């Protein structure tokens, strides 16, 4: 679990990026299952208290399968948003080319 949290901490930002790319369980759920205190969990995993509670707010009421499904959906949504942005950019470029063609 520790190596998964370290990877999550290094590969994400607070700007809505996925918190973990390979974790099987949300970290807050992991803490509940192991029965440790919040203080010992954040100290052992090197995360801030704010991060722990943010994770717990996001994943706290979910089962393990629901959390995995949520992360998959978030990744798919990010991929689709990127495709849409690319398509809109291509469309804008084509409009500019078309406008220059007819105005010259």
PDB file of N, CA and C in Angstrom:
ATOM      1  N   UNK A   1       0.827  -1.192   0.000  1.00  0.00           N
ATOM      2  CA  UNK A   1       0.000   0.000   0.000  1.00  0.00           C
ATOM      3  C   UNK A   1       0.866   1.248   0.000  1.00  0.00           C
ATOM      4  N   UNK A   2       1.971   1.212   0.732  1.00  0.00           N
ATOM      5  CA  UNK A   2       2.801   2.396   0.854  1.00  0.00           C
ATOM      6  C   UNK A   2       3.351   2.849  -0.499  1.00  0.00           C
ATOM      7  N   UNK A   3       3.836   1.906  -1.312  1.00  0.00           N
ATOM      8  CA  UNK A   3       4.386   2.287  -2.608  1.00  0.00           C
ATOM      9  C   UNK A   3       3.316   2.847  -3.532  1.00  0.00           C
ATOM     10  N   UNK A   4       2.073   2.402  -3.382  1.00  0.00           N
ATOM     11  CA  UNK A   4       0.997   2.927  -4.214  1.00  0.00           C
ATOM     12  C   UNK A   4       0.691   4.373  -3.849  1.00  0.00           C
ATOM     13  N   UNK A   5       0.727   4.689  -2.545  1.00  0.00           N
ATOM     14  CA  UNK A   5       0.465   6.051  -2.114  1.00  0.00           C
ATOM     15  C   UNK A   5       1.594   6.982  -2.533  1.00  0.00           C
ATOM     16  N   UNK A   6       2.823   6.505  -2.475  1.00  0.00           N
ATOM     17  CA  UNK A   6       3.934   7.346  -2.890  1.00  0.00           C
ATOM     18  C   UNK A   6       3.819   7.664  -4.372  1.00  0.00           C
ATOM     19  N   UNK A   7       3.466   6.682  -5.180  1.00  0.00           N
ATOM     20  CA  UNK A   7       3.273   6.920  -6.609  1.00  0.00           C
ATOM     21  C   UNK A   7       2.131   7.880  -6.851  1.00  0.00           C
ATOM     22  N   UNK A   8       1.068   7.757  -6.060  1.00  0.00           N
ATOM     23  CA  UNK A   8      -0.071   8.647  -6.220  1.00  0.00           C
ATOM     24  C   UNK A   8       0.316  10.071  -5.856  1.00  0.00           C
ATOM     25  N   UNK A   9       1.108  10.226  -4.789  1.00  0.00           N
ATOM     26  CA  UNK A   9       1.509  11.541  -4.347  1.00  0.00           C
ATOM     27  C   UNK A   9       2.394  12.218  -5.385  1.00  0.00           C
ATOM     28  N   UNK A  10       3.284  11.468  -6.009  1.00  0.00           N
ATOM     29  CA  UNK A  10       4.205  12.035  -6.970  1.00  0.00           C
ATOM     30  C   UNK A  10       3.538  12.319  -8.312  1.00  0.00           C
ATOM     31  N   UNK A  11       2.527  11.534  -8.709  1.00  0.00           N
ATOM     32  CA  UNK A  11       1.965  11.656 -10.046  1.00  0.00           C
ATOM     33  C   UNK A  11       0.670  12.415 -10.152  1.00  0.00           C
ATOM     34  N   UNK A  12       0.333  13.201  -9.138  1.00  0.00           N
ATOM     35  CA  UNK A  12      -0.941  13.898  -9.210  1.00  0.00           C
ATOM     36  C   UNK A  12      -0.813  15.325  -8.737  1.00  0.00           C
ATOM     37  N   UNK A  13      -1.890  16.074  -8.909  1.00  0.00           N
ATOM     38  CA  UNK A  13      -1.965  17.433  -8.384  1.00  0.00           C
ATOM     39  C   UNK A  13      -3.292  17.584  -7.671  1.00  0.00           C
ATOM     40  N   UNK A  14      -3.444  18.720  -7.010  1.00  0.00           N
ATOM     41  CA  UNK A  14      -4.708  18.982  -6.329  1.00  0.00           C
ATOM     42  C   UNK A  14      -5.762  19.528  -7.274  1.00  0.00           C
ATOM     43  N   UNK A  15      -5.460  19.588  -8.570  1.00  0.00           N
ATOM     44  CA  UNK A  15      -6.374  20.181  -9.540  1.00  0.00           C
ATOM     45  C   UNK A  15      -7.310  19.171 -10.163  1.00  0.00           C
ATOM     46  N   UNK A  16      -7.688  18.138  -9.411  1.00  0.00           N
ATOM     47  CA  UNK A  16      -8.676  17.194  -9.914  1.00  0.00           C
ATOM     48  C   UNK A  16      -8.104  16.010 -10.638  1.00  0.00           C
ATOM     49  N   UNK A  17      -6.806  15.809 -10.592  1.00  0.00           N
ATOM     50  CA  UNK A  17      -6.214  14.649 -11.230  1.00  0.00           C
ATOM     51  C   UNK A  17      -6.508  13.414 -10.394  1.00  0.00           C
ATOM     52  N   UNK A  18      -6.498  12.236 -10.971  1.00  0.00           N
ATOM     53  CA  UNK A  18      -6.717  11.017 -10.197  1.00  0.00           C
ATOM     54  C   UNK A  18      -5.690  10.901  -9.092  1.00  0.00           C
ATOM     55  N   UNK A  19      -6.119  10.454  -7.945  1.00  0.00           N
ATOM     56  CA  UNK A  19      -5.200  10.389  -6.829  1.00  0.00           C
ATOM     57  C   UNK A  19      -4.283   9.193  -6.912  1.00  0.00           C
ATOM     58  N   UNK A  20      -4.678   8.175  -7.625  1.00  0.00           N
ATOM     59  CA  UNK A  20      -3.880   6.966  -7.668  1.00  0.00           C
ATOM     60  C   UNK A  20      -4.077   6.280  -8.996  1.00  0.00           C
ATOM     61  N   UNK A  21      -2.989   5.847  -9.578  1.00  0.00           N
ATOM     62  CA  UNK A  21      -3.108   5.187 -10.866  1.00  0.00           C
ATOM     63  C   UNK A  21      -3.139   3.665 -10.715  1.00  0.00           C
ATOM     64  N   UNK A  22      -2.653   3.145  -9.602  1.00  0.00           N
ATOM     65  CA  UNK A  22      -2.601   1.706  -9.493  1.00  0.00           C
ATOM     66  C   UNK A  22      -3.168   1.146  -8.209  1.00  0.00           C
ATOM     67  N   UNK A  23      -3.707   1.977  -7.360  1.00  0.00           N
ATOM     68  CA  UNK A  23      -4.206   1.497  -6.075  1.00  0.00           C
ATOM     69  C   UNK A  23      -5.480   0.678  -6.258  1.00  0.00           C
ATOM     70  N   UNK A  24      -5.577  -0.392  -5.497  1.00  0.00           N
ATOM     71  CA  UNK A  24      -6.774  -1.212  -5.555  1.00  0.00           C
ATOM     72  C   UNK A  24      -7.896  -0.605  -4.726  1.00  0.00           C
ATOM     73  N   UNK A  25      -7.526   0.108  -3.685  1.00  0.00           N
ATOM     74  CA  UNK A  25      -8.516   0.708  -2.794  1.00  0.00           C
ATOM     75  C   UNK A  25      -8.186   2.166  -2.570  1.00  0.00           C
ATOM     76  N   UNK A  26      -9.208   2.982  -2.340  1.00  0.00           N
ATOM     77  CA  UNK A  26      -8.919   4.359  -1.954  1.00  0.00           C
ATOM     78  C   UNK A  26      -8.153   4.353  -0.636  1.00  0.00           C
ATOM     79  N   UNK A  27      -7.203   5.221  -0.454  1.00  0.00           N
ATOM     80  CA  UNK A  27      -6.387   5.217   0.753  1.00  0.00           C
ATOM     81  C   UNK A  27      -7.177   5.388   2.036  1.00  0.00           C
ATOM     82  N   UNK A  28      -8.216   6.245   2.034  1.00  0.00           N
ATOM     83  CA  UNK A  28      -9.003   6.432   3.254  1.00  0.00           C
ATOM     84  C   UNK A  28      -9.727   5.144   3.620  1.00  0.00           C
ATOM     85  N   UNK A  29     -10.198   4.419   2.632  1.00  0.00           N
ATOM     86  CA  UNK A  29     -10.866   3.138   2.871  1.00  0.00           C
ATOM     87  C   UNK A  29      -9.865   2.132   3.423  1.00  0.00           C
ATOM     88  N   UNK A  30      -8.655   2.170   2.924  1.00  0.00           N
ATOM     89  CA  UNK A  30      -7.594   1.285   3.409  1.00  0.00           C
ATOM     90  C   UNK A  30      -7.348   1.520   4.894  1.00  0.00           C
ATOM     91  N   UNK A  31      -7.359   2.791   5.304  1.00  0.00           N
ATOM     92  CA  UNK A  31      -7.135   3.112   6.702  1.00  0.00           C
ATOM     93  C   UNK A  31      -8.244   2.546   7.565  1.00  0.00           C
ATOM     94  N   UNK A  32      -9.490   2.643   7.103  1.00  0.00           N
ATOM     95  CA  UNK A  32     -10.610   2.104   7.868  1.00  0.00           C
ATOM     96  C   UNK A  32     -10.496   0.586   8.001  1.00  0.00           C
ATOM     97  N   UNK A  33     -10.083  -0.074   6.922  1.00  0.00           N
ATOM     98  CA  UNK A  33      -9.985  -1.521   6.951  1.00  0.00           C
ATOM     99  C   UNK A  33      -8.866  -2.006   7.849  1.00  0.00           C
ATOM    100  N   UNK A  34      -7.799  -1.250   7.952  1.00  0.00           N
ATOM    101  CA  UNK A  34      -6.675  -1.697   8.757  1.00  0.00           C
ATOM    102  C   UNK A  34      -6.832  -1.332  10.223  1.00  0.00           C
ATOM    103  N   UNK A  35      -7.747  -0.431  10.545  1.00  0.00           N
ATOM    104  CA  UNK A  35      -8.030  -0.095  11.927  1.00  0.00           C
ATOM    105  C   UNK A  35      -7.012   0.822  12.577  1.00  0.00           C
ATOM    106  N   UNK A  36      -6.134   1.439  11.830  1.00  0.00           N
ATOM    107  CA  UNK A  36      -5.163   2.345  12.435  1.00  0.00           C
ATOM    108  C   UNK A  36      -5.763   3.728  12.613  1.00  0.00           C
ATOM    109  N   UNK A  37      -5.115   4.522  13.424  1.00  0.00           N
ATOM    110  CA  UNK A  37      -5.583   5.890  13.616  1.00  0.00           C
ATOM    111  C   UNK A  37      -5.198   6.734  12.408  1.00  0.00           C
ATOM    112  N   UNK A  38      -5.899   7.847  12.255  1.00  0.00           N
ATOM    113  CA  UNK A  38      -5.612   8.752  11.142  1.00  0.00           C
ATOM    114  C   UNK A  38      -4.170   9.252  11.250  1.00  0.00           C
ATOM    115  N   UNK A  39      -3.762   9.636  12.452  1.00  0.00           N
ATOM    116  CA  UNK A  39      -2.415  10.172  12.646  1.00  0.00           C
ATOM    117  C   UNK A  39      -1.342   9.155  12.242  1.00  0.00           C
ATOM    118  N   UNK A  40      -1.503   7.906  12.652  1.00  0.00           N
ATOM    119  CA  UNK A  40      -0.494   6.903  12.297  1.00  0.00           C
ATOM    120  C   UNK A  40      -0.525   6.601  10.801  1.00  0.00           C
ATOM    121  N   UNK A  41      -1.710   6.642  10.194  1.00  0.00           N
ATOM    122  CA  UNK A  41      -1.819   6.384   8.762  1.00  0.00           C
ATOM    123  C   UNK A  41      -1.115   7.463   7.950  1.00  0.00           C
ATOM    124  N   UNK A  42      -1.372   8.742   8.274  1.00  0.00           N
ATOM    125  CA  UNK A  42      -0.752   9.808   7.487  1.00  0.00           C
ATOM    126  C   UNK A  42       0.747   9.874   7.732  1.00  0.00           C
ATOM    127  N   UNK A  43       1.177   9.568   8.936  1.00  0.00           N
ATOM    128  CA  UNK A  43       2.608   9.560   9.240  1.00  0.00           C
ATOM    129  C   UNK A  43       3.300   8.419   8.496  1.00  0.00           C
ATOM    130  N   UNK A  44       2.701   7.240   8.504  1.00  0.00           N
ATOM    131  CA  UNK A  44       3.291   6.066   7.856  1.00  0.00           C
ATOM    132  C   UNK A  44       3.367   6.239   6.342  1.00  0.00           C
ATOM    133  N   UNK A  45       2.375   6.902   5.754  1.00  0.00           N
ATOM    134  CA  UNK A  45       2.321   7.038   4.301  1.00  0.00           C
ATOM    135  C   UNK A  45       2.838   8.374   3.783  1.00  0.00           C
ATOM    136  N   UNK A  46       3.218   9.264   4.681  1.00  0.00           N
ATOM    137  CA  UNK A  46       3.815  10.526   4.272  1.00  0.00           C
ATOM    138  C   UNK A  46       2.869  11.452   3.531  1.00  0.00           C
ATOM    139  N   UNK A  47       1.620  11.505   3.942  1.00  0.00           N
ATOM    140  CA  UNK A  47       0.651  12.401   3.313  1.00  0.00           C
ATOM    141  C   UNK A  47       0.190  13.418   4.347  1.00  0.00           C
ATOM    142  N   UNK A  48      -0.422  14.491   3.881  1.00  0.00           N
ATOM    143  CA  UNK A  48      -0.922  15.498   4.816  1.00  0.00           C
ATOM    144  C   UNK A  48      -2.309  15.096   5.319  1.00  0.00           C
ATOM    145  N   UNK A  49      -2.673  15.697   6.417  1.00  0.00           N
ATOM    146  CA  UNK A  49      -4.000  15.454   6.983  1.00  0.00           C
ATOM    147  C   UNK A  49      -5.080  15.926   6.000  1.00  0.00           C
ATOM    148  N   UNK A  50      -4.824  17.062   5.363  1.00  0.00           N
ATOM    149  CA  UNK A  50      -5.768  17.596   4.366  1.00  0.00           C
ATOM    150  C   UNK A  50      -5.997  16.587   3.235  1.00  0.00           C
ATOM    151  N   UNK A  51      -4.917  16.001   2.732  1.00  0.00           N
ATOM    152  CA  UNK A  51      -5.027  15.011   1.653  1.00  0.00           C
ATOM    153  C   UNK A  51      -5.843  13.812   2.116  1.00  0.00           C
ATOM    154  N   UNK A  52      -5.575  13.336   3.319  1.00  0.00           N
ATOM    155  CA  UNK A  52      -6.318  12.185   3.841  1.00  0.00           C
ATOM    156  C   UNK A  52      -7.821  12.471   3.867  1.00  0.00           C
ATOM    157  N   UNK A  53      -8.199  13.618   4.415  1.00  0.00           N
ATOM    158  CA  UNK A  53      -9.624  13.920   4.534  1.00  0.00           C
ATOM    159  C   UNK A  53     -10.261  14.204   3.180  1.00  0.00           C
ATOM    160  N   UNK A  54      -9.478  14.760   2.256  1.00  0.00           N
ATOM    161  CA  UNK A  54      -9.997  14.951   0.893  1.00  0.00           C
ATOM    162  C   UNK A  54     -10.277  13.598   0.258  1.00  0.00           C
ATOM    163  N   UNK A  55      -9.349  12.659   0.407  1.00  0.00           N
ATOM    164  CA  UNK A  55      -9.554  11.308  -0.132  1.00  0.00           C
ATOM    165  C   UNK A  55     -10.749  10.642   0.532  1.00  0.00           C
ATOM    166  N   UNK A  56     -10.850  10.803   1.860  1.00  0.00           N
ATOM    167  CA  UNK A  56     -11.944  10.158   2.571  1.00  0.00           C
ATOM    168  C   UNK A  56     -13.282  10.752   2.147  1.00  0.00           C
ATOM    169  N   UNK A  57     -13.329  12.071   1.898  1.00  0.00           N
ATOM    170  CA  UNK A  57     -14.568  12.699   1.437  1.00  0.00           C
ATOM    171  C   UNK A  57     -14.963  12.157   0.070  1.00  0.00           C
ATOM    172  N   UNK A  58     -13.967  11.961  -0.789  1.00  0.00           N
ATOM    173  CA  UNK A  58     -14.253  11.508  -2.140  1.00  0.00           C
ATOM    174  C   UNK A  58     -14.602  10.018  -2.183  1.00  0.00           C
ATOM    175  N   UNK A  59     -13.882   9.200  -1.449  1.00  0.00           N
ATOM    176  CA  UNK A  59     -14.033   7.751  -1.555  1.00  0.00           C
ATOM    177  C   UNK A  59     -14.644   7.077  -0.328  1.00  0.00           C
ATOM    178  N   UNK A  60     -14.928   7.836   0.722  1.00  0.00           N
ATOM    179  CA  UNK A  60     -15.330   7.248   2.001  1.00  0.00           C
ATOM    180  C   UNK A  60     -16.521   6.311   1.965  1.00  0.00           C
ATOM    181  N   UNK A  61     -17.586   6.662   1.266  1.00  0.00           N
ATOM    182  CA  UNK A  61     -18.787   5.844   1.282  1.00  0.00           C
ATOM    183  C   UNK A  61     -18.842   4.783   0.200  1.00  0.00           C
ATOM    184  N   UNK A  62     -17.773   4.636  -0.563  1.00  0.00           N
ATOM    185  CA  UNK A  62     -17.787   3.698  -1.679  1.00  0.00           C
ATOM    186  C   UNK A  62     -17.219   2.341  -1.293  1.00  0.00           C
ATOM    187  N   UNK A  63     -17.739   1.321  -1.926  1.00  0.00           N
ATOM    188  CA  UNK A  63     -17.127   0.010  -1.780  1.00  0.00           C
ATOM    189  C   UNK A  63     -15.893  -0.031  -2.669  1.00  0.00           C
ATOM    190  N   UNK A  64     -15.119  -1.054  -2.522  1.00  0.00           N
ATOM    191  CA  UNK A  64     -13.894  -1.183  -3.307  1.00  0.00           C
ATOM    192  C   UNK A  64     -14.183  -1.208  -4.804  1.00  0.00           C
ATOM    193  N   UNK A  65     -15.178  -1.965  -5.219  1.00  0.00           N
ATOM    194  CA  UNK A  65     -15.499  -2.056  -6.648  1.00  0.00           C
ATOM    195  C   UNK A  65     -16.048  -0.732  -7.183  1.00  0.00           C
ATOM    196  N   UNK A  66     -16.828  -0.034  -6.357  1.00  0.00           N
ATOM    197  CA  UNK A  66     -17.345   1.268  -6.776  1.00  0.00           C
ATOM    198  C   UNK A  66     -16.219   2.282  -6.954  1.00  0.00           C
ATOM    199  N   UNK A  67     -15.242   2.252  -6.053  1.00  0.00           N
ATOM    200  CA  UNK A  67     -14.106   3.174  -6.149  1.00  0.00           C
ATOM    201  C   UNK A  67     -13.281   2.889  -7.398  1.00  0.00           C
ATOM    202  N   UNK A  68     -13.067   1.628  -7.698  1.00  0.00           N
ATOM    203  CA  UNK A  68     -12.324   1.256  -8.907  1.00  0.00           C
ATOM    204  C   UNK A  68     -13.090   1.712 -10.139  1.00  0.00           C
ATOM    205  N   UNK A  69     -14.388   1.501 -10.140  1.00  0.00           N
ATOM    206  CA  UNK A  69     -15.227   1.930 -11.269  1.00  0.00           C
ATOM    207  C   UNK A  69     -15.193   3.447 -11.424  1.00  0.00           C
ATOM    208  N   UNK A  70     -15.257   4.168 -10.308  1.00  0.00           N
ATOM    209  CA  UNK A  70     -15.200   5.634 -10.350  1.00  0.00           C
ATOM    210  C   UNK A  70     -13.886   6.111 -10.963  1.00  0.00           C
ATOM    211  N   UNK A  71     -12.770   5.514 -10.559  1.00  0.00           N
ATOM    212  CA  UNK A  71     -11.474   5.916 -11.107  1.00  0.00           C
ATOM    213  C   UNK A  71     -11.395   5.630 -12.599  1.00  0.00           C
ATOM    214  N   UNK A  72     -11.936   4.495 -13.029  1.00  0.00           N
ATOM    215  CA  UNK A  72     -11.951   4.176 -14.458  1.00  0.00           C
ATOM    216  C   UNK A  72     -12.784   5.188 -15.234  1.00  0.00           C
ATOM    217  N   UNK A  73     -13.940   5.543 -14.699  1.00  0.00           N
ATOM    218  CA  UNK A  73     -14.807   6.521 -15.354  1.00  0.00           C
ATOM    219  C   UNK A  73     -14.153   7.898 -15.417  1.00  0.00           C
ATOM    220  N   UNK A  74     -13.446   8.277 -14.366  1.00  0.00           N
ATOM    221  CA  UNK A  74     -12.751   9.560 -14.369  1.00  0.00           C
ATOM    222  C   UNK A  74     -11.654   9.586 -15.429  1.00  0.00           C
ATOM    223  N   UNK A  75     -10.917   8.481 -15.555  1.00  0.00           N
ATOM    224  CA  UNK A  75      -9.871   8.409 -16.588  1.00  0.00           C
ATOM    225  C   UNK A  75     -10.481   8.481 -17.982  1.00  0.00           C
ATOM    226  N   UNK A  76     -11.569   7.762 -18.194  1.00  0.00           N
ATOM    227  CA  UNK A  76     -12.244   7.772 -19.493  1.00  0.00           C
ATOM    228  C   UNK A  76     -12.794   9.167 -19.804  1.00  0.00           C
ATOM    229  N   UNK A  77     -13.352   9.820 -18.807  1.00  0.00           N
ATOM    230  CA  UNK A  77     -13.879  11.167 -18.988  1.00  0.00           C
ATOM    231  C   UNK A  77     -12.760  12.133 -19.369  1.00  0.00           C
ATOM    232  N   UNK A  78     -11.616  12.031 -18.719  1.00  0.00           N
ATOM    233  CA  UNK A  78     -10.474  12.896 -19.046  1.00  0.00           C
ATOM    234  C   UNK A  78     -10.001  12.639 -20.480  1.00  0.00           C
ATOM    235  N   UNK A  79      -9.970  11.386 -20.874  1.00  0.00           N
ATOM    236  CA  UNK A  79      -9.551  11.043 -22.236  1.00  0.00           C
ATOM    237  C   UNK A  79     -10.521  11.627 -23.262  1.00  0.00           C
ATOM    238  N   UNK A  80     -11.816  11.499 -22.998  1.00  0.00           N
ATOM    239  CA  UNK A  80     -12.822  12.027 -23.919  1.00  0.00           C
ATOM    240  C   UNK A  80     -12.787  13.555 -23.989  1.00  0.00           C
ATOM    241  N   UNK A  81     -12.543  14.202 -22.869  1.00  0.00           N
ATOM    242  CA  UNK A  81     -12.432  15.659 -22.879  1.00  0.00           C
ATOM    243  C   UNK A  81     -11.242  16.094 -23.726  1.00  0.00           C
ATOM    244  N   UNK A  82     -10.148  15.356 -23.638  1.00  0.00           N
ATOM    245  CA  UNK A  82      -8.983  15.662 -24.465  1.00  0.00           C
ATOM    246  C   UNK A  82      -9.283  15.497 -25.943  1.00  0.00           C
ATOM    247  N   UNK A  83      -9.987  14.429 -26.292  1.00  0.00           N
ATOM    248  CA  UNK A  83     -10.369  14.218 -27.692  1.00  0.00           C
ATOM    249  C   UNK A  83     -11.274  15.336 -28.199  1.00  0.00           C
ATOM    250  N   UNK A  84     -12.211  15.749 -27.371  1.00  0.00           N
ATOM    251  CA  UNK A  84     -13.120  16.825 -27.747  1.00  0.00           C
ATOM    252  C   UNK A  84     -12.356  18.132 -27.951  1.00  0.00           C
ATOM    253  N   UNK A  85     -11.428  18.428 -27.067  1.00  0.00           N
ATOM    254  CA  UNK A  85     -10.631  19.653 -27.201  1.00  0.00           C
ATOM    255  C   UNK A  85      -9.810  19.616 -28.490  1.00  0.00           C
ATOM    256  N   UNK A  86      -9.221  18.460 -28.801  1.00  0.00           N
ATOM    257  CA  UNK A  86      -8.464  18.329 -30.050  1.00  0.00           C
ATOM    258  C   UNK A  86      -9.357  18.551 -31.266  1.00  0.00           C
ATOM    259  N   UNK A  87     -10.532  17.969 -31.240  1.00  0.00           N
ATOM    260  CA  UNK A  87     -11.463  18.102 -32.359  1.00  0.00           C
ATOM    261  C   UNK A  87     -11.904  19.555 -32.530  1.00  0.00           C
ATOM    262  N   UNK A  88     -12.176  20.233 -31.420  1.00  0.00           N
ATOM    263  CA  UNK A  88     -12.581  21.640 -31.505  1.00  0.00           C
ATOM    264  C   UNK A  88     -11.453  22.501 -32.058  1.00  0.00           C
ATOM    265  N   UNK A  89     -10.213  22.197 -31.671  1.00  0.00           N
ATOM    266  CA  UNK A  89      -9.069  22.935 -32.196  1.00  0.00           C
ATOM    267  C   UNK A  89      -8.921  22.716 -33.700  1.00  0.00           C
ATOM    268  N   UNK A  90      -9.072  21.475 -34.133  1.00  0.00           N
ATOM    269  CA  UNK A  90      -9.002  21.179 -35.568  1.00  0.00           C
ATOM    270  C   UNK A  90     -10.091  21.924 -36.335  1.00  0.00           C
ATOM    271  N   UNK A  91     -11.283  21.952 -35.787  1.00  0.00           N
ATOM    272  CA  UNK A  91     -12.397  22.642 -36.421  1.00  0.00           C
ATOM    273  C   UNK A  91     -12.124  24.141 -36.528  1.00  0.00           C
ATOM    274  N   UNK A  92     -11.583  24.725 -35.474  1.00  0.00           N
ATOM    275  CA  UNK A  92     -11.256  26.151 -35.484  1.00  0.00           C
ATOM    276  C   UNK A  92     -10.195  26.468 -36.538  1.00  0.00           C
ATOM    277  N   UNK A  93      -9.188  25.615 -36.658  1.00  0.00           N
ATOM    278  CA  UNK A  93      -8.145  25.810 -37.672  1.00  0.00           C
ATOM    279  C   UNK A  93      -8.755  25.730 -39.070  1.00  0.00           C
ATOM    280  N   UNK A  94      -9.617  24.754 -39.298  1.00  0.00           N
ATOM    281  CA  UNK A  94     -10.261  24.623 -40.610  1.00  0.00           C
ATOM    282  C   UNK A  94     -11.131  25.842 -40.935  1.00  0.00           C
ATOM    283  N   UNK A  95     -11.811  26.388 -39.931  1.00  0.00           N
ATOM    284  CA  UNK A  95     -12.622  27.592 -40.157  1.00  0.00           C
ATOM    285  C   UNK A  95     -11.739  28.765 -40.554  1.00  0.00           C
ATOM    286  N   UNK A  96     -10.591  28.907 -39.894  1.00  0.00           N
ATOM    287  CA  UNK A  96      -9.676  30.002 -40.222  1.00  0.00           C
ATOM    288  C   UNK A  96      -9.133  29.844 -41.640  1.00  0.00           C
ATOM    289  N   UNK A  97      -8.771  28.626 -42.014  1.00  0.00           N
ATOM    290  CA  UNK A  97      -8.261  28.364 -43.359  1.00  0.00           C
ATOM    291  C   UNK A  97      -9.336  28.682 -44.396  1.00  0.00           C
ATOM    292  N   UNK A  98     -10.549  28.246 -44.132  1.00  0.00           N
ATOM    293  CA  UNK A  98     -11.661  28.486 -45.049  1.00  0.00           C
ATOM    294  C   UNK A  98     -11.932  29.985 -45.199  1.00  0.00           C
ATOM    295  N   UNK A  99     -11.884  30.714 -44.099  1.00  0.00           N
ATOM    296  CA  UNK A  99     -12.134  32.160 -44.150  1.00  0.00           C
ATOM    297  C   UNK A  99     -11.048  32.871 -44.952  1.00  0.00           C
ATOM    298  N   UNK A 100      -9.794  32.468 -44.809  1.00  0.00           N
ATOM    299  CA  UNK A 100      -8.701  33.084 -45.545  1.00  0.00           C
ATOM    300  C   UNK A 100      -8.789  32.753 -47.031  1.00  0.00           C
ATOM    301  N   UNK A 101      -9.242  31.541 -47.323  1.00  0.00           N
ATOM    302  CA  UNK A 101      -9.363  31.107 -48.717  1.00  0.00           C
ATOM    303  C   UNK A 101     -10.334  31.997 -49.493  1.00  0.00           C
ATOM    304  N   UNK A 102     -11.468  32.308 -48.882  1.00  0.00           N
ATOM    305  CA  UNK A 102     -12.509  33.044 -49.569  1.00  0.00           C
ATOM    306  C   UNK A 102     -12.296  34.555 -49.515  1.00  0.00           C
ATOM    307  N   UNK A 103     -11.531  35.017 -48.556  1.00  0.00           N
ATOM    308  CA  UNK A 103     -11.311  36.458 -48.463  1.00  0.00           C
ATOM    309  C   UNK A 103     -10.161  36.929 -49.341  1.00  0.00           C
ATOM    310  N   UNK A 104      -9.279  36.042 -49.748  1.00  0.00           N
ATOM    311  CA  UNK A 104      -8.120  36.436 -50.568  1.00  0.00           C
ATOM    312  C   UNK A 104      -8.420  36.537 -52.029  1.00  0.00           C
TER     313      UNK A 104
END
